[in-house]
Amino acid sequence: MNPYSRNSESTSQASRNIRQRSSITNKENVMGKIVAIGGGRYSDGEIINIFEKIVSLAKKENPKVLFLPTAGYDDINGDEDIQRSFEKFGCQYDILYLTDEKRTADDIRSVILGADIIYVGGGDVRFMMETWKKTGADKALVEAYNSGKVMSGYSAGAVCWFDVGYDDCGPDHSFMFCDCLGILPYCACPHYESDHWQTFKKAILTRTEQGLAVENGAALLFIDGMIGTIRGSDGGDVWILDKNNELNISEIVDKMNRNA
């Protein structure tokens, strides 16, 4: 089943917006690959099909996966299921700790560009972006995207690819907007099925950007200039929001697939 909508006016406009931004970031017009997962469970395989999709985009056997746990302060306790999920599909797996002050910017760039798949974990978006900027990882990640690597992630690792991320990393876990890598347009929010994160619906009205919200169990796909969605075993949707509309991209894609 084709996960992309090529006939919907709304999703086509979204694709044009993203392609326009991509052409700014990507001066050689390489078609990029991003999989942004809103959240979900690793342990029981809820989103294992999304991992399978990520691995398939590398288009090689035994691709090299590089995990960046920066948003979790480089604490990988509880992240073992991420490694097991990728190894299930024959991937080689490595971890880049960016809080290690012994690493140089050149070393970090070399490690990032040596991977086929980048996977960014969840946690504190503000800390992640500050650390990436301090270490030069931000520039290396954009370079990796431009060179055709598969860029992916979960929660904080989903919103990092956009202009702005919405996260509860403010004082006392208050929500705030954080500038991100700016590869894709929109202000992005994960975990959108949760009442806690539904505050995004009102918060986005204060912004000039459109909002893009991804529920647990779902991922936004941006692959070679087209957008689409994919669901895990328990479902989940992707939404675009602005001052006038709340558009369910996943339902539009489903309808287009049924009519194809």
Protein backbone atom coordinates (compact mmCIF):
# COMPACT_ATOMS: atom_id res chain seq x y z
CA MET A 1 0.00 0.00 0.00
CA ASN A 2 1.32 3.40 -0.98
CA PRO A 3 1.59 5.61 2.13
CA TYR A 4 1.56 8.85 0.16
CA SER A 5 -1.26 11.04 -1.02
CA ARG A 6 -0.57 12.49 -4.46
CA ASN A 7 -4.11 13.71 -5.15
CA SER A 8 -5.17 15.60 -2.02
CA GLU A 9 -4.91 19.38 -2.37
CA SER A 10 -4.06 19.78 1.32
CA THR A 11 -1.32 17.19 1.46
CA SER A 12 0.03 18.34 -1.89
CA GLN A 13 0.36 21.87 -0.50
CA ALA A 14 2.13 20.46 2.55
CA SER A 15 4.49 18.59 0.24
CA ARG A 16 5.21 21.78 -1.71
CA ASN A 17 5.92 23.67 1.52
CA ILE A 18 8.37 21.00 2.62
CA ARG A 19 10.04 20.70 -0.79
CA GLN A 20 10.53 24.46 -0.88
CA ARG A 21 12.24 24.38 2.53
CA SER A 22 14.25 21.32 1.54
CA SER A 23 15.59 23.10 -1.54
CA ILE A 24 16.86 25.89 0.71
CA THR A 25 18.56 23.52 3.15
CA ASN A 26 19.72 21.11 0.48
CA LYS A 27 21.67 23.04 -2.11
CA GLU A 28 22.30 19.98 -4.29
CA ASN A 29 18.60 19.09 -4.31
CA VAL A 30 19.18 15.62 -2.86
CA MET A 31 15.84 14.08 -1.96
CA GLY A 32 15.80 13.69 1.82
CA LYS A 33 14.36 11.02 4.08
CA ILE A 34 12.85 11.78 7.49
CA VAL A 35 10.68 9.58 9.72
CA ALA A 36 9.26 11.49 12.72
CA ILE A 37 7.59 9.22 15.32
CA GLY A 38 5.21 10.89 17.77
CA GLY A 39 5.71 8.24 20.45
CA GLY A 40 4.68 4.70 21.27
CA ARG A 41 5.89 1.52 22.91
CA TYR A 42 9.07 -0.28 21.89
CA SER A 43 8.79 -3.21 24.28
CA ASP A 44 5.72 -4.96 22.87
CA GLY A 45 6.39 -4.15 19.21
CA GLU A 46 3.70 -1.49 18.85
CA ILE A 47 5.87 0.57 16.47
CA ILE A 48 8.12 -2.19 15.10
CA ASN A 49 6.65 -1.74 11.61
CA ILE A 50 7.81 1.88 11.70
CA PHE A 51 11.34 0.67 12.48
CA GLU A 52 11.05 -1.72 9.54
CA LYS A 53 10.14 1.25 7.33
CA ILE A 54 13.12 3.26 8.59
CA VAL A 55 15.51 0.39 7.85
CA SER A 56 14.04 -0.18 4.37
CA LEU A 57 14.78 3.43 3.43
CA ALA A 58 18.52 2.82 3.80
CA LYS A 59 18.29 0.45 0.80
CA LYS A 60 21.16 -1.76 1.93
CA GLU A 61 21.76 -4.89 3.95
CA ASN A 62 22.97 -4.45 7.53
CA PRO A 63 22.83 -0.64 7.56
CA LYS A 64 24.67 1.29 10.25
CA VAL A 65 22.36 2.89 12.81
CA LEU A 66 23.62 5.72 15.00
CA PHE A 67 21.54 6.45 18.11
CA LEU A 68 21.72 9.94 19.65
CA PRO A 69 20.39 9.91 23.25
CA THR A 70 21.18 13.61 23.76
CA ALA A 71 17.64 14.63 24.73
CA GLY A 72 17.77 12.06 27.54
CA TYR A 73 21.03 13.61 28.84
CA ASP A 74 22.92 10.67 27.29
CA ASP A 75 21.33 8.26 29.78
CA ILE A 76 20.45 5.12 27.80
CA ASN A 77 18.85 3.25 30.69
CA GLY A 78 15.54 1.99 29.31
CA ASP A 79 16.60 2.42 25.68
CA GLU A 80 17.64 -1.21 25.18
CA ASP A 81 14.50 -1.91 23.16
CA ILE A 82 15.61 0.62 20.56
CA GLN A 83 18.75 -1.38 19.90
CA ARG A 84 16.82 -4.66 19.85
CA SER A 85 14.29 -3.20 17.41
CA PHE A 86 16.98 -2.22 14.90
CA GLU A 87 19.00 -5.41 15.36
CA LYS A 88 15.84 -7.39 14.56
CA PHE A 89 16.25 -6.10 11.00
CA GLY A 90 19.98 -6.84 10.78
CA CYS A 91 21.28 -3.37 11.57
CA GLN A 92 24.66 -2.52 13.03
CA TYR A 93 24.15 -0.27 16.05
CA ASP A 94 26.25 2.44 17.68
CA ILE A 95 25.63 5.27 20.15
CA LEU A 96 26.99 8.82 20.05
CA TYR A 97 27.28 10.51 23.46
CA LEU A 98 27.45 14.24 22.86
CA THR A 99 27.87 15.19 26.53
CA ASP A 100 31.37 13.67 26.31
CA GLU A 101 33.51 16.81 26.22
CA LYS A 102 36.49 14.89 24.84
CA ARG A 103 34.83 14.61 21.44
CA THR A 104 35.80 17.21 18.87
CA ALA A 105 33.49 18.71 16.24
CA ASP A 106 35.43 16.88 13.52
CA ASP A 107 35.07 13.58 15.36
CA ILE A 108 31.34 14.12 15.83
CA ARG A 109 30.88 14.99 12.16
CA SER A 110 32.80 11.88 11.08
CA VAL A 111 30.70 9.58 13.27
CA ILE A 112 27.40 11.10 12.10
CA LEU A 113 28.31 10.99 8.41
CA GLY A 114 29.53 7.41 8.79
CA ALA A 115 26.03 6.17 9.63
CA ASP A 116 23.29 5.14 7.21
CA ILE A 117 20.46 5.81 9.66
CA ILE A 118 20.35 8.44 12.40
CA TYR A 119 17.87 7.79 15.22
CA VAL A 120 17.31 10.48 17.87
CA GLY A 121 15.76 9.55 21.21
CA GLY A 122 13.24 11.38 23.37
CA GLY A 123 13.66 13.77 26.25
CA ASP A 124 14.43 17.47 26.70
CA VAL A 125 14.31 19.34 23.37
CA ARG A 126 15.93 22.50 24.72
CA PHE A 127 18.90 20.63 26.22
CA MET A 128 19.27 18.59 23.04
CA MET A 129 19.38 21.62 20.76
CA GLU A 130 21.75 23.53 23.06
CA THR A 131 24.10 20.53 23.15
CA TRP A 132 23.96 20.02 19.40
CA LYS A 133 24.74 23.68 18.77
CA LYS A 134 27.62 23.67 21.27
CA THR A 135 29.22 20.56 19.76
CA GLY A 136 28.55 21.26 16.08
CA ALA A 137 26.28 18.24 15.83
CA ASP A 138 23.50 20.46 14.48
CA LYS A 139 25.49 21.28 11.35
CA ALA A 140 26.62 17.66 10.96
CA LEU A 141 23.03 16.41 11.13
CA VAL A 142 21.88 18.83 8.44
CA GLU A 143 24.85 17.71 6.33
CA ALA A 144 23.85 14.08 6.90
CA TYR A 145 20.32 14.84 5.73
CA ASN A 146 21.66 16.59 2.64
CA SER A 147 23.87 13.60 1.84
CA GLY A 148 20.88 11.25 1.77
CA LYS A 149 21.07 9.60 5.19
CA VAL A 150 17.84 8.36 6.78
CA MET A 151 16.98 10.78 9.59
CA SER A 152 14.55 9.52 12.20
CA GLY A 153 13.53 9.79 15.82
CA TYR A 154 10.95 9.59 18.54
CA SER A 155 9.29 12.41 20.52
CA ALA A 156 12.11 15.00 20.88
CA GLY A 157 13.78 13.06 18.08
CA ALA A 158 10.72 13.64 15.91
CA VAL A 159 10.38 17.39 16.37
CA CYS A 160 14.11 18.17 16.02
CA TRP A 161 13.93 18.12 12.21
CA PHE A 162 11.38 20.97 12.05
CA ASP A 163 11.64 24.75 12.43
CA VAL A 164 10.31 24.66 15.97
CA GLY A 165 9.49 21.98 18.53
CA TYR A 166 6.88 22.09 21.30
CA ASP A 167 8.03 20.44 24.52
CA ASP A 168 7.43 20.39 28.27
CA CYS A 169 11.06 21.28 28.99
CA GLY A 170 10.35 24.65 30.59
CA PRO A 171 10.47 25.40 34.34
CA ASP A 172 8.45 22.84 36.34
CA HIS A 173 7.81 20.96 33.09
CA SER A 174 5.91 23.84 31.55
CA PHE A 175 5.53 23.85 27.78
CA MET A 176 7.70 26.02 25.58
CA PHE A 177 8.72 26.41 21.95
CA CYS A 178 12.31 25.52 21.00
CA ASP A 179 14.13 26.41 17.79
CA CYS A 180 15.19 23.21 16.04
CA LEU A 181 17.20 22.22 12.95
CA GLY A 182 14.87 23.87 10.43
CA ILE A 183 15.08 21.16 7.78
CA LEU A 184 11.29 20.91 7.54
CA PRO A 185 8.74 23.71 7.99
CA TYR A 186 6.06 23.72 10.71
CA CYS A 187 6.09 23.85 14.49
CA ALA A 188 5.97 20.20 15.58
CA CYS A 189 4.42 18.50 18.60
CA PRO A 190 4.67 14.80 19.64
CA HIS A 191 2.29 12.71 21.81
CA TYR A 192 -0.70 14.63 20.47
CA GLU A 193 -3.28 12.05 21.57
CA SER A 194 -2.50 12.92 25.21
CA ASP A 195 -4.63 15.50 27.04
CA HIS A 196 -1.39 16.89 28.49
CA TRP A 197 -0.07 17.67 25.01
CA GLN A 198 -3.39 18.97 23.64
CA THR A 199 -2.29 22.38 24.95
CA PHE A 200 -0.50 22.61 21.60
CA LYS A 201 -3.86 23.30 19.93
CA LYS A 202 -4.12 26.69 21.66
CA ALA A 203 -0.40 27.42 21.90
CA ILE A 204 0.08 27.19 18.13
CA LEU A 205 -2.35 30.10 17.69
CA THR A 206 0.36 32.39 19.10
CA ARG A 207 2.78 31.38 16.33
CA THR A 208 3.13 32.41 12.69
CA GLU A 209 4.03 28.85 11.66
CA GLN A 210 1.47 26.14 11.00
CA GLY A 211 1.50 23.32 13.51
CA LEU A 212 2.17 19.66 12.83
CA ALA A 213 1.18 17.20 15.56
CA VAL A 214 2.00 13.49 15.67
CA GLU A 215 0.21 11.06 17.97
CA ASN A 216 1.79 8.09 19.72
CA GLY A 217 1.83 5.10 17.41
CA ALA A 218 2.15 7.24 14.28
CA ALA A 219 4.93 8.79 12.22
CA LEU A 220 5.19 11.47 9.58
CA LEU A 221 7.16 10.35 6.53
CA PHE A 222 9.01 12.78 4.28
CA ILE A 223 10.58 10.74 1.52
CA ASP A 224 11.98 12.14 -1.71
CA GLY A 225 9.75 15.19 -1.77
CA MET A 226 6.48 13.56 -0.74
CA ILE A 227 4.81 13.37 2.66
CA GLY A 228 2.88 10.46 4.09
CA THR A 229 2.05 8.74 7.34
CA ILE A 230 2.46 5.31 8.88
CA ARG A 231 0.72 3.77 11.89
CA GLY A 232 1.88 1.23 14.47
CA SER A 233 -0.25 -1.69 15.63
CA ASP A 234 -2.45 0.46 17.90
CA GLY A 235 -2.98 3.23 15.36
CA GLY A 236 -2.31 6.95 15.58
CA ASP A 237 -2.74 10.02 13.40
CA VAL A 238 -0.80 13.02 12.12
CA TRP A 239 -2.39 16.47 12.07
CA ILE A 240 -1.73 19.90 10.54
CA LEU A 241 -3.12 22.83 12.53
CA ASP A 242 -3.49 26.54 11.93
CA LYS A 243 -5.79 29.32 13.10
CA ASN A 244 -8.69 28.00 11.03
CA ASN A 245 -8.30 24.26 10.60
CA GLU A 246 -7.25 20.98 12.19
CA LEU A 247 -6.52 18.65 9.28
CA ASN A 248 -6.03 14.90 9.78
CA ILE A 249 -3.34 13.96 7.24
CA SER A 250 -3.57 10.27 8.11
CA GLU A 251 -7.26 10.09 7.16
CA ILE A 252 -6.59 11.86 3.86
CA VAL A 253 -3.78 9.44 3.04
CA ASP A 254 -6.03 6.49 3.94
CA LYS A 255 -8.76 7.79 1.64
CA MET A 256 -6.33 8.28 -1.23
CA ASN A 257 -4.99 4.76 -0.76
CA ARG A 258 -8.51 3.31 -0.83
CA ASN A 259 -9.29 5.20 -4.03
CA ALA A 260 -5.99 4.39 -5.73
